[in-house]
Amino acid sequence: MCTIVEQIKNRALKDSSINIKVGIAERIYPLSIKVEDEETVRLAAKTINDKIKEYLNRYAAKDKQDILAMIAITFAVDNIKNKNGSILDSNNVLMEESLLEIQSLLEKTLQKATV
């Protein structure tokens, strides 16, 4: 059993936050996050930057706004697919279909821009 003092210290450690800076698309973003989330946040930023490089090479797009939009849609679609296993209600299915259609349109637009 933990003493009350140990419980308070443990809670304070869990609740403590830190300020970090992450770089995404050559911009620095200051964030205040929980200590235990730092590794996850840094990994997320790295994943986004890796996707940016991949999409820039694939589509030779010049506008990072388009690239970031495509990445956001891709991550949203993946998130919807992974939520609650593969069980989706009809509203989520419609949203997923819409997101996939938007992603397809963005990809076509970027491909035309690179030709």
Protein backbone atom coordinates (compact mmCIF):
# COMPACT_ATOMS: atom_id res chain seq x y z
CA MET A 1 0.00 0.00 0.00
CA CYS A 2 1.13 3.50 -0.77
CA THR A 3 1.09 6.18 1.84
CA ILE A 4 -0.98 9.29 1.22
CA VAL A 5 2.21 11.25 0.47
CA GLU A 6 3.30 8.66 -2.11
CA GLN A 7 -0.15 8.73 -3.70
CA ILE A 8 -0.01 12.53 -3.96
CA LYS A 9 3.48 12.38 -5.49
CA ASN A 10 2.39 9.72 -7.99
CA ARG A 11 -0.66 11.76 -8.97
CA ALA A 12 1.44 14.92 -9.33
CA LEU A 13 3.84 13.05 -11.64
CA LYS A 14 0.96 11.77 -13.77
CA ASP A 15 -0.69 15.18 -13.94
CA SER A 16 2.48 17.15 -14.60
CA SER A 17 2.92 18.71 -18.00
CA ILE A 18 5.94 19.85 -19.94
CA ASN A 19 6.49 22.32 -22.73
CA ILE A 20 8.07 20.94 -25.87
CA LYS A 21 8.55 22.09 -29.44
CA VAL A 22 7.87 19.87 -32.42
CA GLY A 23 8.65 20.60 -36.04
CA ILE A 24 6.07 19.79 -38.70
CA ALA A 25 6.47 20.85 -42.32
CA GLU A 26 9.44 23.07 -41.47
CA ARG A 27 7.48 24.97 -38.81
CA ILE A 28 7.97 24.80 -35.07
CA TYR A 29 4.96 24.30 -32.82
CA PRO A 30 5.21 24.82 -29.06
CA LEU A 31 3.04 22.36 -27.13
CA SER A 32 2.16 21.80 -23.50
CA ILE A 33 1.66 18.08 -22.98
CA LYS A 34 1.60 15.48 -20.23
CA VAL A 35 5.02 14.05 -19.49
CA GLU A 36 3.87 10.53 -20.37
CA ASP A 37 2.67 11.71 -23.80
CA GLU A 38 5.99 13.17 -24.96
CA GLU A 39 7.21 10.07 -26.79
CA THR A 40 3.84 9.63 -28.53
CA VAL A 41 3.68 13.29 -29.61
CA ARG A 42 7.23 13.22 -30.97
CA LEU A 43 6.51 9.98 -32.83
CA ALA A 44 3.34 11.53 -34.29
CA ALA A 45 5.32 14.56 -35.51
CA LYS A 46 7.94 12.26 -37.06
CA THR A 47 5.21 10.22 -38.76
CA ILE A 48 3.66 13.36 -40.22
CA ASN A 49 7.02 14.61 -41.48
CA ASP A 50 7.78 11.22 -43.03
CA LYS A 51 4.41 11.30 -44.82
CA ILE A 52 5.11 14.83 -46.04
CA LYS A 53 8.38 13.67 -47.61
CA GLU A 54 6.67 10.64 -49.13
CA TYR A 55 3.84 12.70 -50.65
CA LEU A 56 6.22 15.43 -51.88
CA ASN A 57 8.28 12.80 -53.68
CA ARG A 58 5.23 10.97 -55.02
CA TYR A 59 3.34 14.00 -56.31
CA ALA A 60 6.04 16.66 -56.67
CA ALA A 61 3.55 19.13 -55.21
CA LYS A 62 4.76 22.57 -54.29
CA ASP A 63 1.96 23.53 -51.91
CA LYS A 64 2.40 21.93 -48.51
CA GLN A 65 -1.18 22.85 -47.64
CA ASP A 66 -2.37 20.26 -50.20
CA ILE A 67 0.05 17.69 -48.84
CA LEU A 68 -1.07 18.32 -45.25
CA ALA A 69 -4.72 18.03 -46.32
CA MET A 70 -4.03 14.67 -47.96
CA ILE A 71 -2.21 13.46 -44.85
CA ALA A 72 -5.06 14.61 -42.60
CA ILE A 73 -7.58 12.75 -44.73
CA THR A 74 -5.42 9.62 -44.81
CA PHE A 75 -5.03 9.63 -41.03
CA ALA A 76 -8.75 10.33 -40.53
CA VAL A 77 -9.69 7.41 -42.77
CA ASP A 78 -7.25 5.12 -40.95
CA ASN A 79 -8.61 6.29 -37.60
CA ILE A 80 -12.21 5.62 -38.65
CA LYS A 81 -11.28 2.14 -39.90
CA ASN A 82 -9.48 1.31 -36.66
CA LYS A 83 -12.08 2.68 -34.23
CA ASN A 84 -13.99 -0.05 -32.45
CA GLY A 85 -12.45 -2.72 -34.63
CA SER A 86 -14.06 -2.78 -38.04
CA ILE A 87 -17.60 -2.23 -36.77
CA LEU A 88 -18.91 1.04 -38.21
CA ASP A 89 -22.40 2.40 -38.04
CA SER A 90 -24.03 3.81 -41.18
CA ASN A 91 -22.99 7.41 -40.39
CA ASN A 92 -19.34 6.42 -40.10
CA VAL A 93 -19.52 4.44 -43.34
CA LEU A 94 -20.86 7.52 -45.14
CA MET A 95 -18.12 9.66 -43.59
CA GLU A 96 -15.47 7.14 -44.59
CA GLU A 97 -16.77 7.06 -48.17
CA SER A 98 -16.75 10.86 -48.30
CA LEU A 99 -13.20 11.02 -46.96
CA LEU A 100 -12.01 8.45 -49.49
CA GLU A 101 -13.64 10.43 -52.29
CA ILE A 102 -11.98 13.65 -51.10
CA GLN A 103 -8.64 11.86 -50.86
CA SER A 104 -9.03 10.58 -54.42
CA LEU A 105 -9.88 14.05 -55.72
CA LEU A 106 -6.87 15.57 -53.96
CA GLU A 107 -4.57 12.89 -55.37
CA LYS A 108 -5.90 13.51 -58.90
CA THR A 109 -5.45 17.27 -58.48
CA LEU A 110 -1.88 16.83 -57.29
CA GLN A 111 -1.07 14.44 -60.11
CA LYS A 112 -2.35 16.98 -62.65
CA ALA A 113 -0.24 19.67 -61.00
CA THR A 114 2.89 17.58 -61.42
CA VAL A 115 2.36 16.90 -65.13
